N, C-alpha and C. Protein backbone atom coordinates (compact mmCIF):
# COMPACT_ATOMS: atom_id res chain seq x y z
N UNK A 1 90.50 93.18 101.92
CA UNK A 1 91.81 92.56 101.83
C UNK A 1 91.77 91.45 100.87
N UNK A 2 92.88 91.18 100.18
CA UNK A 2 93.03 90.18 99.17
C UNK A 2 92.90 88.77 99.80
N UNK A 3 92.14 87.89 99.11
CA UNK A 3 92.06 86.44 99.51
C UNK A 3 93.33 85.78 99.15
N UNK A 4 93.70 84.73 99.94
CA UNK A 4 94.85 83.96 99.65
C UNK A 4 94.63 83.11 98.38
N UNK A 5 95.62 83.08 97.50
CA UNK A 5 95.48 82.30 96.30
C UNK A 5 95.29 80.84 96.59
N UNK A 6 94.52 80.13 95.74
CA UNK A 6 94.33 78.69 95.92
C UNK A 6 95.42 77.91 95.22
N UNK A 7 95.90 76.85 95.88
CA UNK A 7 96.95 76.08 95.28
C UNK A 7 96.38 74.92 94.57
N UNK A 8 97.03 74.51 93.46
CA UNK A 8 96.66 73.32 92.71
C UNK A 8 97.78 72.34 92.68
N UNK A 9 97.48 71.01 92.67
CA UNK A 9 98.45 69.99 92.70
C UNK A 9 99.04 69.78 91.31
N UNK A 10 100.26 69.75 91.17
CA UNK A 10 101.02 69.57 89.88
C UNK A 10 101.33 68.07 89.70
N UNK A 11 101.62 67.64 88.45
CA UNK A 11 101.97 66.25 88.21
C UNK A 11 103.21 65.82 88.93
N UNK A 12 104.16 66.76 89.27
CA UNK A 12 105.36 66.35 89.97
C UNK A 12 105.16 66.31 91.51
N UNK A 13 103.95 66.44 91.96
CA UNK A 13 103.69 66.29 93.43
C UNK A 13 103.80 67.60 94.18
N UNK A 14 104.26 68.73 93.59
CA UNK A 14 104.30 69.97 94.25
C UNK A 14 103.00 70.73 94.04
N UNK A 15 102.65 71.53 94.99
CA UNK A 15 101.56 72.40 94.95
C UNK A 15 101.89 73.76 94.36
N UNK A 16 101.11 74.34 93.51
CA UNK A 16 101.34 75.61 92.80
C UNK A 16 100.29 76.61 93.07
N UNK A 17 100.67 77.84 93.37
CA UNK A 17 99.67 78.97 93.47
C UNK A 17 100.27 80.14 92.71
N UNK A 18 99.38 80.95 92.16
CA UNK A 18 99.78 82.10 91.41
C UNK A 18 99.89 83.39 92.26
N UNK A 19 101.00 84.09 92.08
CA UNK A 19 101.21 85.38 92.74
C UNK A 19 101.76 86.28 91.67
N UNK A 20 102.58 87.27 92.10
CA UNK A 20 103.17 88.17 91.17
C UNK A 20 104.62 88.33 91.49
N UNK A 21 105.47 88.81 90.50
CA UNK A 21 106.86 89.06 90.71
C UNK A 21 107.02 90.55 90.95
N UNK A 22 108.24 91.05 91.07
CA UNK A 22 108.54 92.39 91.37
C UNK A 22 108.00 93.36 90.33
N UNK A 23 107.77 92.92 89.05
CA UNK A 23 107.28 93.78 88.00
C UNK A 23 105.79 93.76 87.86
N UNK A 24 105.06 92.97 88.68
CA UNK A 24 103.65 92.91 88.63
C UNK A 24 103.13 91.78 87.67
N UNK A 25 104.01 90.96 87.12
CA UNK A 25 103.61 89.87 86.22
C UNK A 25 103.29 88.68 87.10
N UNK A 26 102.36 87.83 86.56
CA UNK A 26 102.07 86.60 87.26
C UNK A 26 103.27 85.66 87.36
N UNK A 27 103.33 85.03 88.48
CA UNK A 27 104.50 84.11 88.77
C UNK A 27 103.91 82.89 89.55
N UNK A 28 104.42 81.76 89.29
CA UNK A 28 104.01 80.59 90.13
C UNK A 28 104.89 80.45 91.27
N UNK A 29 104.24 80.02 92.38
CA UNK A 29 104.97 79.80 93.68
C UNK A 29 104.63 78.27 94.05
N UNK A 30 105.67 77.59 94.49
CA UNK A 30 105.51 76.14 94.75
C UNK A 30 105.73 75.80 96.22
N UNK A 31 105.09 74.77 96.66
CA UNK A 31 105.30 74.28 98.02
C UNK A 31 104.94 72.81 98.15
N UNK A 32 105.38 72.26 99.22
CA UNK A 32 105.09 70.79 99.50
C UNK A 32 103.63 70.58 99.96
N UNK A 33 102.99 71.65 100.44
CA UNK A 33 101.66 71.58 100.89
C UNK A 33 100.86 72.73 100.18
N UNK A 34 99.53 72.59 100.12
CA UNK A 34 98.78 73.76 99.52
C UNK A 34 98.94 75.06 100.38
N UNK A 35 99.00 74.93 101.61
CA UNK A 35 99.16 76.12 102.46
C UNK A 35 100.49 76.79 102.25
N UNK A 36 101.53 76.05 102.01
CA UNK A 36 102.85 76.66 101.78
C UNK A 36 102.87 77.37 100.42
N UNK A 37 102.35 76.80 99.33
CA UNK A 37 102.32 77.45 98.08
C UNK A 37 101.44 78.70 98.17
N UNK A 38 100.30 78.60 98.82
CA UNK A 38 99.37 79.72 98.92
C UNK A 38 99.99 80.86 99.69
N UNK A 39 100.68 80.55 100.77
CA UNK A 39 101.31 81.59 101.62
C UNK A 39 102.38 82.27 100.81
N UNK A 40 103.22 81.56 100.06
CA UNK A 40 104.25 82.21 99.26
C UNK A 40 103.66 83.14 98.21
N UNK A 41 102.58 82.74 97.54
CA UNK A 41 101.94 83.55 96.55
C UNK A 41 101.31 84.76 97.23
N UNK A 42 100.69 84.61 98.38
CA UNK A 42 100.08 85.69 99.11
C UNK A 42 101.10 86.74 99.45
N UNK A 43 102.21 86.33 99.95
CA UNK A 43 103.30 87.22 100.28
C UNK A 43 103.83 88.00 99.14
N UNK A 44 103.71 87.46 98.00
CA UNK A 44 104.27 88.17 96.76
C UNK A 44 103.47 89.39 96.45
N UNK A 45 102.25 89.52 96.94
CA UNK A 45 101.48 90.70 96.75
C UNK A 45 101.89 91.86 97.64
N UNK A 46 102.73 91.66 98.60
CA UNK A 46 103.21 92.67 99.49
C UNK A 46 102.16 93.10 100.50
N UNK A 47 101.33 92.21 100.83
CA UNK A 47 100.24 92.56 101.76
C UNK A 47 100.86 92.94 103.15
N UNK A 48 100.47 94.14 103.63
CA UNK A 48 100.88 94.65 104.92
C UNK A 48 99.69 95.14 105.61
N UNK A 49 99.71 95.25 106.93
CA UNK A 49 98.55 95.68 107.68
C UNK A 49 98.81 97.10 108.20
N UNK A 50 99.65 97.85 107.60
CA UNK A 50 99.85 99.27 108.07
C UNK A 50 99.02 100.23 107.15
N UNK A 51 99.01 101.46 107.61
CA UNK A 51 98.20 102.43 106.80
C UNK A 51 99.15 103.54 106.21
N UNK A 52 100.29 103.16 105.75
CA UNK A 52 101.23 104.07 105.11
C UNK A 52 100.79 104.23 103.62
N UNK A 53 101.32 105.29 103.03
CA UNK A 53 101.08 105.47 101.61
C UNK A 53 101.63 104.37 100.78
N UNK A 54 102.77 103.84 101.18
CA UNK A 54 103.41 102.77 100.49
C UNK A 54 102.51 101.53 100.44
N UNK A 55 102.02 101.15 101.59
CA UNK A 55 101.12 100.04 101.71
C UNK A 55 99.82 100.19 100.94
N UNK A 56 99.27 101.38 100.96
CA UNK A 56 98.04 101.69 100.22
C UNK A 56 98.37 101.60 98.72
N UNK A 57 99.51 102.06 98.29
CA UNK A 57 99.87 101.97 96.88
C UNK A 57 99.98 100.60 96.42
N UNK A 58 100.66 99.73 97.20
CA UNK A 58 100.81 98.31 96.82
C UNK A 58 99.51 97.50 96.89
N UNK A 59 98.77 97.69 97.96
CA UNK A 59 97.60 96.81 98.18
C UNK A 59 96.26 97.39 97.62
N UNK A 60 96.14 98.62 97.37
CA UNK A 60 94.90 99.08 96.96
C UNK A 60 94.99 99.83 95.53
N UNK A 61 95.97 100.72 95.45
CA UNK A 61 96.01 101.46 94.18
C UNK A 61 96.55 100.65 93.02
N UNK A 62 97.67 99.94 93.19
CA UNK A 62 98.29 99.24 92.07
C UNK A 62 97.40 98.17 91.55
N UNK A 63 96.59 97.43 92.31
CA UNK A 63 95.71 96.47 91.65
C UNK A 63 94.63 97.14 90.76
N UNK A 64 94.34 98.43 91.01
CA UNK A 64 93.38 99.10 90.13
C UNK A 64 93.94 99.48 88.81
N UNK A 65 95.23 99.53 88.65
CA UNK A 65 95.84 99.89 87.41
C UNK A 65 96.66 98.75 86.72
N UNK A 66 96.58 97.54 87.31
CA UNK A 66 97.30 96.42 86.84
C UNK A 66 96.88 96.08 85.39
N UNK A 67 95.69 96.40 85.00
CA UNK A 67 95.14 96.12 83.68
C UNK A 67 95.61 97.13 82.59
N UNK A 68 96.22 98.23 83.06
CA UNK A 68 96.68 99.21 82.11
C UNK A 68 97.86 98.74 81.39
N UNK A 69 98.27 99.50 80.37
CA UNK A 69 99.43 99.09 79.52
C UNK A 69 100.66 99.02 80.33
N UNK A 70 101.62 98.19 79.87
CA UNK A 70 102.92 98.14 80.57
C UNK A 70 103.60 99.47 80.63
N UNK A 71 103.54 100.30 79.61
CA UNK A 71 104.21 101.57 79.62
C UNK A 71 103.57 102.43 80.72
N UNK A 72 102.28 102.44 80.84
CA UNK A 72 101.63 103.30 81.88
C UNK A 72 102.03 102.83 83.22
N UNK A 73 102.09 101.56 83.46
CA UNK A 73 102.55 101.02 84.78
C UNK A 73 103.97 101.43 85.03
N UNK A 74 104.81 101.39 84.06
CA UNK A 74 106.20 101.89 84.21
C UNK A 74 106.31 103.39 84.61
N UNK A 75 105.39 104.11 83.94
CA UNK A 75 105.37 105.58 84.27
C UNK A 75 104.86 105.84 85.75
N UNK A 76 103.94 105.01 86.19
CA UNK A 76 103.44 105.13 87.52
C UNK A 76 104.58 104.69 88.52
N UNK A 77 105.29 103.61 88.16
CA UNK A 77 106.36 103.17 89.04
C UNK A 77 107.50 104.23 89.07
N UNK A 78 107.77 104.86 87.95
CA UNK A 78 108.79 105.94 87.93
C UNK A 78 108.36 107.11 88.87
N UNK A 79 107.15 107.57 88.75
CA UNK A 79 106.73 108.62 89.64
C UNK A 79 106.76 108.27 91.04
N UNK A 80 106.27 107.06 91.38
CA UNK A 80 106.24 106.56 92.78
C UNK A 80 107.70 106.40 93.31
N UNK A 81 108.46 105.71 92.56
CA UNK A 81 109.80 105.31 93.10
C UNK A 81 110.75 106.46 93.22
N UNK A 82 110.69 107.47 92.28
CA UNK A 82 111.69 108.58 92.30
C UNK A 82 111.17 109.84 92.99
N UNK A 83 109.85 109.99 93.05
CA UNK A 83 109.36 111.32 93.59
C UNK A 83 108.37 111.24 94.74
N UNK A 84 107.52 110.26 94.74
CA UNK A 84 106.54 110.22 95.74
C UNK A 84 106.84 109.44 97.00
N UNK A 85 107.29 108.15 96.80
CA UNK A 85 107.56 107.28 97.95
C UNK A 85 108.75 107.82 98.69
N UNK A 86 109.82 108.33 98.18
CA UNK A 86 110.85 108.81 99.04
C UNK A 86 110.44 109.91 99.98
N UNK A 87 109.44 110.71 99.57
CA UNK A 87 108.92 111.86 100.43
C UNK A 87 107.80 111.40 101.34
N UNK A 88 106.90 110.57 100.84
CA UNK A 88 105.67 110.25 101.62
C UNK A 88 105.42 108.76 101.89
N UNK A 89 106.27 107.88 101.40
CA UNK A 89 105.99 106.43 101.48
C UNK A 89 105.85 105.91 102.89
N UNK A 90 106.58 106.43 103.85
CA UNK A 90 106.47 105.92 105.24
C UNK A 90 105.41 106.66 106.07
N UNK A 91 104.86 107.71 105.46
CA UNK A 91 103.86 108.45 106.27
C UNK A 91 102.50 107.79 106.20
N UNK A 92 101.73 107.92 107.26
CA UNK A 92 100.44 107.44 107.31
C UNK A 92 99.59 108.34 106.38
N UNK A 93 98.61 107.77 105.69
CA UNK A 93 97.77 108.53 104.76
C UNK A 93 97.19 109.77 105.38
N UNK A 94 96.62 109.54 106.57
CA UNK A 94 95.94 110.72 107.26
C UNK A 94 96.88 111.74 107.87
N UNK A 95 98.16 111.57 107.80
CA UNK A 95 99.14 112.48 108.28
C UNK A 95 99.73 113.38 107.18
N UNK A 96 99.44 113.02 105.89
CA UNK A 96 99.97 113.77 104.80
C UNK A 96 99.09 115.06 104.59
N UNK A 97 99.73 116.22 104.73
CA UNK A 97 98.94 117.47 104.58
C UNK A 97 99.14 118.08 103.28
N UNK A 98 98.21 118.94 102.87
CA UNK A 98 98.28 119.65 101.57
C UNK A 98 99.53 120.49 101.57
N UNK A 99 99.93 121.13 102.65
CA UNK A 99 101.05 122.02 102.66
C UNK A 99 102.35 121.25 102.45
N UNK A 100 102.43 120.02 102.99
CA UNK A 100 103.66 119.16 102.78
C UNK A 100 103.71 118.81 101.29
N UNK A 101 102.62 118.42 100.70
CA UNK A 101 102.61 117.97 99.34
C UNK A 101 102.98 119.17 98.36
N UNK A 102 102.34 120.32 98.70
CA UNK A 102 102.68 121.53 97.85
C UNK A 102 104.11 121.90 97.91
N UNK A 103 104.66 121.84 99.14
CA UNK A 103 106.13 122.23 99.35
C UNK A 103 107.01 121.21 98.57
N UNK A 104 106.62 119.91 98.61
CA UNK A 104 107.39 118.91 97.90
C UNK A 104 107.39 119.11 96.42
N UNK A 105 106.17 119.36 95.83
CA UNK A 105 106.05 119.53 94.41
C UNK A 105 106.73 120.82 93.96
N UNK A 106 106.69 121.80 94.74
CA UNK A 106 107.37 123.13 94.42
C UNK A 106 108.89 122.86 94.37
N UNK A 107 109.38 121.91 95.11
CA UNK A 107 110.82 121.71 95.15
C UNK A 107 111.39 120.77 94.04
N UNK A 108 110.46 120.13 93.32
CA UNK A 108 110.96 119.17 92.32
C UNK A 108 111.43 119.94 91.15
N UNK A 109 112.57 119.51 90.61
CA UNK A 109 113.18 120.16 89.42
C UNK A 109 112.90 119.24 88.27
N UNK A 110 111.61 119.41 87.68
CA UNK A 110 111.19 118.54 86.57
C UNK A 110 110.67 119.48 85.45
N UNK A 111 110.62 118.91 84.26
CA UNK A 111 109.96 119.60 83.11
C UNK A 111 108.45 119.60 83.49
N UNK A 112 107.78 120.61 82.97
CA UNK A 112 106.32 120.74 83.23
C UNK A 112 105.46 119.48 82.99
N UNK A 113 105.81 118.82 81.95
CA UNK A 113 105.00 117.59 81.58
C UNK A 113 105.36 116.44 82.58
N UNK A 114 106.53 116.34 83.03
CA UNK A 114 106.91 115.34 84.00
C UNK A 114 106.30 115.65 85.39
N UNK A 115 106.32 116.89 85.73
CA UNK A 115 105.72 117.30 87.01
C UNK A 115 104.19 117.03 86.98
N UNK A 116 103.62 117.31 85.85
CA UNK A 116 102.16 117.04 85.70
C UNK A 116 101.86 115.61 85.87
N UNK A 117 102.71 114.72 85.32
CA UNK A 117 102.58 113.31 85.42
C UNK A 117 102.68 112.82 86.89
N UNK A 118 103.70 113.33 87.61
CA UNK A 118 103.86 112.96 89.07
C UNK A 118 102.59 113.41 89.83
N UNK A 119 102.11 114.67 89.50
CA UNK A 119 100.91 115.10 90.23
C UNK A 119 99.75 114.27 89.94
N UNK A 120 99.58 113.80 88.66
CA UNK A 120 98.43 113.02 88.28
C UNK A 120 98.43 111.71 89.04
N UNK A 121 99.63 111.04 89.12
CA UNK A 121 99.72 109.77 89.88
C UNK A 121 99.34 109.98 91.31
N UNK A 122 100.02 111.00 91.91
CA UNK A 122 99.75 111.25 93.38
C UNK A 122 98.28 111.57 93.59
N UNK A 123 97.64 112.36 92.75
CA UNK A 123 96.29 112.74 92.83
C UNK A 123 95.37 111.53 92.77
N UNK A 124 95.73 110.56 91.87
CA UNK A 124 94.88 109.37 91.66
C UNK A 124 94.94 108.51 92.91
N UNK A 125 96.07 108.46 93.50
CA UNK A 125 96.20 107.62 94.80
C UNK A 125 95.41 108.25 95.85
N UNK A 126 95.56 109.56 96.10
CA UNK A 126 94.87 110.21 97.14
C UNK A 126 93.32 110.25 96.87
N UNK A 127 92.89 110.41 95.68
CA UNK A 127 91.48 110.35 95.37
C UNK A 127 90.91 109.00 95.75
N UNK A 128 91.61 107.95 95.47
CA UNK A 128 91.16 106.65 95.79
C UNK A 128 91.16 106.46 97.26
N UNK A 129 92.12 106.97 98.01
CA UNK A 129 92.20 106.87 99.43
C UNK A 129 91.05 107.59 100.11
N UNK A 130 90.66 108.71 99.48
CA UNK A 130 89.59 109.55 100.08
C UNK A 130 88.25 108.78 99.94
């Protein structure tokens, strides 16, 4: 599990801790106490204690690709947001079966290259989970 970010005291008297915004970029979070700033930054990572595909994607998979190019991260987000998470996001990882995945991918109306990309992203997540 991710450690809570440490807060530093700013010249204006507020405490600052680094987190991320909705696009994955670093963002400063402020508070009157170090704990408040650290908690806000920690929450920005979307840390959850469940074992759904969505939680695994945010907490485990996405940090492994954060160093990739912005374009690649957008492609991952496109595959996840439009094709993978709507079908499997709320399911527990161990409840997703090969038959369900095959049925879902067979039903997608995508160009072969786009379908290949979605499969590559899904495969990467599942391989990391395994």
